[in-house]
Structures are given as structure tokens and as C-alpha cells.
């Protein structure tokens, strides 16, 4: 005699199925949206500033972005962190994705470029500051806009 075990479809399985379905549906959309947008690096040139709270201490950080020898470069300035013009070890702009690494601090700024309505000018960088296993959201604004 054969013994058949009836599988029970639990709530946990339902949630997992929904989550997997959503991921599969949204992944192509995100890939298409990111692949269609190319940002002119010259719209990033300048200084971008944000506040940063680390261990209950309010700091300011500024990223100065410039093109040197045809490559986008970043320098970090923060008197609270004791850095004045620390060059990024790497900077990457891939579509709307932005990433800059500062190995001397064990820090990274990673996020998304936000464009104006015409999609031809970067107006802010919504990012996360990663340092010493701590993640802090930051909104980097061009210095002229941050001072208003």
C-alpha cells in the first residue's frame, strides 16, 4: 500500500511565493529604467554637501567632483571627520547609480542620482554613508542649493 503525504500550503510559503514573484516582475523594470538613462558627467562637477549623524554627532560632509585627465574624481571634505580633500580610491557612475570609496576611512558613499524633470541635470544624490558597519542615509545637494 502506498502512503501519500499531503503537502500543506502554509502562509509562509504564500509570502515567499509573493516575494519571489514581485522580485521577478520588478527586476526587468529596474534594469530597463537604469539602462535607458545616461548621465552627462559634467552635470556632476562641483561640490555636493550633506549633514551626517554618527554616534549622535552632527557632521557635514562635502564631496567635490571634478574631471581630471578625462576621468571623474572625488575628494571628501569634513572637518568633523578630520579630512580635507581626501581623494576617493574609486568612483563609479553607472546609469543613475553612484558609488565612491574612501579606504583610508573605511567609508563608502553609495546611492542614486536624482534628475530634474527634463532628465538632463543631476539635482541631488540620495545615498548611504557606510563606515565601520554603520549605515547613515545622506542627501547630497549642490552647494548652491544646500546653502539656501
C-alpha atoms as a PDB file:
ATOM      1  CA  UNK A   1       0.000   0.000   0.000  1.00  0.00           C
ATOM      2  CA  UNK A   2       1.367   3.393  -0.986  1.00  0.00           C
ATOM      3  CA  UNK A   3       1.403   6.197   1.588  1.00  0.00           C
ATOM      4  CA  UNK A   4       0.865   9.631   0.120  1.00  0.00           C
ATOM      5  CA  UNK A   5       1.652  12.659   2.256  1.00  0.00           C
ATOM      6  CA  UNK A   6      -0.449  15.695   1.587  1.00  0.00           C
ATOM      7  CA  UNK A   7       1.619  18.896   1.365  1.00  0.00           C
ATOM      8  CA  UNK A   8       0.129  21.832   3.187  1.00  0.00           C
ATOM      9  CA  UNK A   9       0.492  25.259   1.565  1.00  0.00           C
ATOM     10  CA  UNK A  10       1.299  27.465   4.567  1.00  0.00           C
ATOM     11  CA  UNK A  11       1.126  31.243   4.994  1.00  0.00           C
ATOM     12  CA  UNK A  12       4.928  31.376   4.977  1.00  0.00           C
ATOM     13  CA  UNK A  13       5.016  29.645   1.631  1.00  0.00           C
ATOM     14  CA  UNK A  14       2.440  32.093   0.283  1.00  0.00           C
ATOM     15  CA  UNK A  15       4.551  35.063   1.379  1.00  0.00           C
ATOM     16  CA  UNK A  16       7.693  33.551  -0.144  1.00  0.00           C
ATOM     17  CA  UNK A  17       5.858  32.934  -3.412  1.00  0.00           C
ATOM     18  CA  UNK A  18       4.568  36.509  -3.487  1.00  0.00           C
ATOM     19  CA  UNK A  19       8.026  37.925  -2.721  1.00  0.00           C
ATOM     20  CA  UNK A  20       9.710  35.847  -5.435  1.00  0.00           C
ATOM     21  CA  UNK A  21       7.011  36.794  -7.960  1.00  0.00           C
ATOM     22  CA  UNK A  22       7.433  40.500  -7.175  1.00  0.00           C
ATOM     23  CA  UNK A  23      11.212  40.291  -7.493  1.00  0.00           C
ATOM     24  CA  UNK A  24      10.936  38.573 -10.844  1.00  0.00           C
ATOM     25  CA  UNK A  25       8.441  41.169 -12.066  1.00  0.00           C
ATOM     26  CA  UNK A  26      10.371  44.233 -10.849  1.00  0.00           C
ATOM     27  CA  UNK A  27      13.922  43.203 -11.802  1.00  0.00           C
ATOM     28  CA  UNK A  28      13.472  43.759 -15.547  1.00  0.00           C
ATOM     29  CA  UNK A  29      11.787  47.124 -14.898  1.00  0.00           C
ATOM     30  CA  UNK A  30      14.691  48.323 -12.753  1.00  0.00           C
ATOM     31  CA  UNK A  31      17.213  47.067 -15.304  1.00  0.00           C
ATOM     32  CA  UNK A  32      15.411  48.764 -18.183  1.00  0.00           C
ATOM     33  CA  UNK A  33      14.985  52.030 -16.285  1.00  0.00           C
ATOM     34  CA  UNK A  34      18.635  52.106 -15.248  1.00  0.00           C
ATOM     35  CA  UNK A  35      19.890  51.117 -18.688  1.00  0.00           C
ATOM     36  CA  UNK A  36      17.951  53.824 -20.512  1.00  0.00           C
ATOM     37  CA  UNK A  37      19.366  56.773 -18.584  1.00  0.00           C
ATOM     38  CA  UNK A  38      22.825  58.065 -19.245  1.00  0.00           C
ATOM     39  CA  UNK A  39      24.064  60.992 -17.210  1.00  0.00           C
ATOM     40  CA  UNK A  40      26.421  63.600 -18.592  1.00  0.00           C
ATOM     41  CA  UNK A  41      29.309  63.573 -16.082  1.00  0.00           C
ATOM     42  CA  UNK A  42      29.690  67.330 -16.423  1.00  0.00           C
ATOM     43  CA  UNK A  43      26.377  67.793 -14.543  1.00  0.00           C
ATOM     44  CA  UNK A  44      28.079  66.229 -11.507  1.00  0.00           C
ATOM     45  CA  UNK A  45      31.011  68.652 -11.473  1.00  0.00           C
ATOM     46  CA  UNK A  46      31.067  70.776  -8.334  1.00  0.00           C
ATOM     47  CA  UNK A  47      30.689  70.344  -4.604  1.00  0.00           C
ATOM     48  CA  UNK A  48      27.855  68.304  -3.079  1.00  0.00           C
ATOM     49  CA  UNK A  49      27.113  68.649   0.619  1.00  0.00           C
ATOM     50  CA  UNK A  50      25.097  66.836   3.287  1.00  0.00           C
ATOM     51  CA  UNK A  51      24.734  66.521   7.016  1.00  0.00           C
ATOM     52  CA  UNK A  52      25.780  63.244   8.603  1.00  0.00           C
ATOM     53  CA  UNK A  53      24.982  61.963  12.083  1.00  0.00           C
ATOM     54  CA  UNK A  54      27.489  59.494  13.512  1.00  0.00           C
ATOM     55  CA  UNK A  55      27.302  58.425  17.162  1.00  0.00           C
ATOM     56  CA  UNK A  56      24.838  61.250  17.882  1.00  0.00           C
ATOM     57  CA  UNK A  57      27.309  63.788  16.498  1.00  0.00           C
ATOM     58  CA  UNK A  58      26.107  66.027  13.678  1.00  0.00           C
ATOM     59  CA  UNK A  59      28.769  66.427  10.959  1.00  0.00           C
ATOM     60  CA  UNK A  60      28.912  67.987   7.491  1.00  0.00           C
ATOM     61  CA  UNK A  61      30.443  66.180   4.558  1.00  0.00           C
ATOM     62  CA  UNK A  62      31.211  67.595   1.150  1.00  0.00           C
ATOM     63  CA  UNK A  63      32.140  65.703  -1.994  1.00  0.00           C
ATOM     64  CA  UNK A  64      33.929  67.717  -4.631  1.00  0.00           C
ATOM     65  CA  UNK A  65      33.582  66.089  -8.031  1.00  0.00           C
ATOM     66  CA  UNK A  66      35.778  67.092 -10.941  1.00  0.00           C
ATOM     67  CA  UNK A  67      37.156  65.665 -14.138  1.00  0.00           C
ATOM     68  CA  UNK A  68      40.923  65.138 -14.174  1.00  0.00           C
ATOM     69  CA  UNK A  69      42.642  63.647 -17.225  1.00  0.00           C
ATOM     70  CA  UNK A  70      39.251  62.667 -18.641  1.00  0.00           C
ATOM     71  CA  UNK A  71      38.187  60.742 -15.518  1.00  0.00           C
ATOM     72  CA  UNK A  72      35.645  61.672 -12.856  1.00  0.00           C
ATOM     73  CA  UNK A  73      37.393  62.178  -9.499  1.00  0.00           C
ATOM     74  CA  UNK A  74      36.005  62.779  -5.999  1.00  0.00           C
ATOM     75  CA  UNK A  75      37.504  64.411  -2.921  1.00  0.00           C
ATOM     76  CA  UNK A  76      35.961  64.292   0.535  1.00  0.00           C
ATOM     77  CA  UNK A  77      35.973  67.241   2.919  1.00  0.00           C
ATOM     78  CA  UNK A  78      34.728  67.025   6.516  1.00  0.00           C
ATOM     79  CA  UNK A  79      36.264  68.901   9.406  1.00  0.00           C
ATOM     80  CA  UNK A  80      34.285  66.656  11.796  1.00  0.00           C
ATOM     81  CA  UNK A  81      35.986  63.589  10.322  1.00  0.00           C
ATOM     82  CA  UNK A  82      39.317  65.387  10.052  1.00  0.00           C
ATOM     83  CA  UNK A  83      39.639  65.099   6.275  1.00  0.00           C
ATOM     84  CA  UNK A  84      40.301  67.941   3.863  1.00  0.00           C
ATOM     85  CA  UNK A  85      40.432  66.862   0.236  1.00  0.00           C
ATOM     86  CA  UNK A  86      40.791  63.093   0.757  1.00  0.00           C
ATOM     87  CA  UNK A  87      40.733  61.545  -2.740  1.00  0.00           C
ATOM     88  CA  UNK A  88      38.367  58.662  -3.428  1.00  0.00           C
ATOM     89  CA  UNK A  89      40.047  55.356  -4.214  1.00  0.00           C
ATOM     90  CA  UNK A  90      37.338  54.726  -6.759  1.00  0.00           C
ATOM     91  CA  UNK A  91      34.283  56.466  -8.119  1.00  0.00           C
ATOM     92  CA  UNK A  92      31.694  54.872 -10.352  1.00  0.00           C
ATOM     93  CA  UNK A  93      28.649  56.221 -12.126  1.00  0.00           C
ATOM     94  CA  UNK A  94      26.620  53.509 -13.843  1.00  0.00           C
ATOM     95  CA  UNK A  95      23.407  54.936 -15.258  1.00  0.00           C
ATOM     96  CA  UNK A  96      21.874  56.590 -12.203  1.00  0.00           C
ATOM     97  CA  UNK A  97      23.898  54.508  -9.711  1.00  0.00           C
ATOM     98  CA  UNK A  98      26.659  56.388  -7.856  1.00  0.00           C
ATOM     99  CA  UNK A  99      29.460  54.955  -5.701  1.00  0.00           C
ATOM    100  CA  UNK A 100      32.618  56.456  -4.182  1.00  0.00           C
ATOM    101  CA  UNK A 101      35.020  54.581  -1.862  1.00  0.00           C
ATOM    102  CA  UNK A 102      37.428  56.091   0.659  1.00  0.00           C
ATOM    103  CA  UNK A 103      39.552  53.216   2.002  1.00  0.00           C
ATOM    104  CA  UNK A 104      41.550  55.374   4.452  1.00  0.00           C
ATOM    105  CA  UNK A 105      38.309  55.965   6.360  1.00  0.00           C
ATOM    106  CA  UNK A 106      36.833  52.566   5.599  1.00  0.00           C
ATOM    107  CA  UNK A 107      33.930  54.543   4.139  1.00  0.00           C
ATOM    108  CA  UNK A 108      31.744  54.437   1.069  1.00  0.00           C
ATOM    109  CA  UNK A 109      29.039  56.680  -0.372  1.00  0.00           C
ATOM    110  CA  UNK A 110      26.598  54.672  -2.438  1.00  0.00           C
ATOM    111  CA  UNK A 111      23.263  55.724  -3.885  1.00  0.00           C
ATOM    112  CA  UNK A 112      21.246  57.148  -6.744  1.00  0.00           C
ATOM    113  CA  UNK A 113      21.472  60.283  -8.824  1.00  0.00           C
ATOM    114  CA  UNK A 114      18.206  62.196  -8.964  1.00  0.00           C
ATOM    115  CA  UNK A 115      17.476  64.193 -12.104  1.00  0.00           C
ATOM    116  CA  UNK A 116      15.369  67.251 -12.877  1.00  0.00           C
ATOM    117  CA  UNK A 117      12.100  66.909 -14.832  1.00  0.00           C
ATOM    118  CA  UNK A 118      13.916  67.300 -18.164  1.00  0.00           C
ATOM    119  CA  UNK A 119      16.257  64.416 -17.182  1.00  0.00           C
ATOM    120  CA  UNK A 120      19.318  66.450 -18.202  1.00  0.00           C
ATOM    121  CA  UNK A 121      20.663  67.709 -14.843  1.00  0.00           C
ATOM    122  CA  UNK A 122      21.525  65.973 -11.582  1.00  0.00           C
ATOM    123  CA  UNK A 123      19.743  67.837  -8.758  1.00  0.00           C
ATOM    124  CA  UNK A 124      20.743  65.647  -5.786  1.00  0.00           C
ATOM    125  CA  UNK A 125      22.358  62.388  -4.789  1.00  0.00           C
ATOM    126  CA  UNK A 126      20.290  60.175  -2.473  1.00  0.00           C
ATOM    127  CA  UNK A 127      22.857  57.915  -0.872  1.00  0.00           C
ATOM    128  CA  UNK A 128      24.007  55.947   2.131  1.00  0.00           C
ATOM    129  CA  UNK A 129      27.218  56.580   4.044  1.00  0.00           C
ATOM    130  CA  UNK A 130      28.766  53.238   5.074  1.00  0.00           C
ATOM    131  CA  UNK A 131      31.519  53.307   7.688  1.00  0.00           C
ATOM    132  CA  UNK A 132      32.525  50.802  10.373  1.00  0.00           C
ATOM    133  CA  UNK A 133      29.422  48.662   9.780  1.00  0.00           C
ATOM    134  CA  UNK A 134      27.209  51.722  10.231  1.00  0.00           C
ATOM    135  CA  UNK A 135      24.838  52.915   7.523  1.00  0.00           C
ATOM    136  CA  UNK A 136      23.580  56.506   7.545  1.00  0.00           C
ATOM    137  CA  UNK A 137      21.284  57.937   4.842  1.00  0.00           C
ATOM    138  CA  UNK A 138      22.501  61.200   3.296  1.00  0.00           C
ATOM    139  CA  UNK A 139      21.101  63.586   0.699  1.00  0.00           C
ATOM    140  CA  UNK A 140      23.916  65.359  -1.122  1.00  0.00           C
ATOM    141  CA  UNK A 141      22.871  68.696  -2.610  1.00  0.00           C
ATOM    142  CA  UNK A 142      24.869  71.041  -4.811  1.00  0.00           C
ATOM    143  CA  UNK A 143      26.470  73.621  -2.514  1.00  0.00           C
ATOM    144  CA  UNK A 144      24.488  76.495  -4.047  1.00  0.00           C
ATOM    145  CA  UNK A 145      21.191  74.690  -3.293  1.00  0.00           C
ATOM    146  CA  UNK A 146      22.325  73.386   0.121  1.00  0.00           C
ATOM    147  CA  UNK A 147      23.009  76.917   1.394  1.00  0.00           C
ATOM    148  CA  UNK A 148      19.502  78.258   0.654  1.00  0.00           C
END
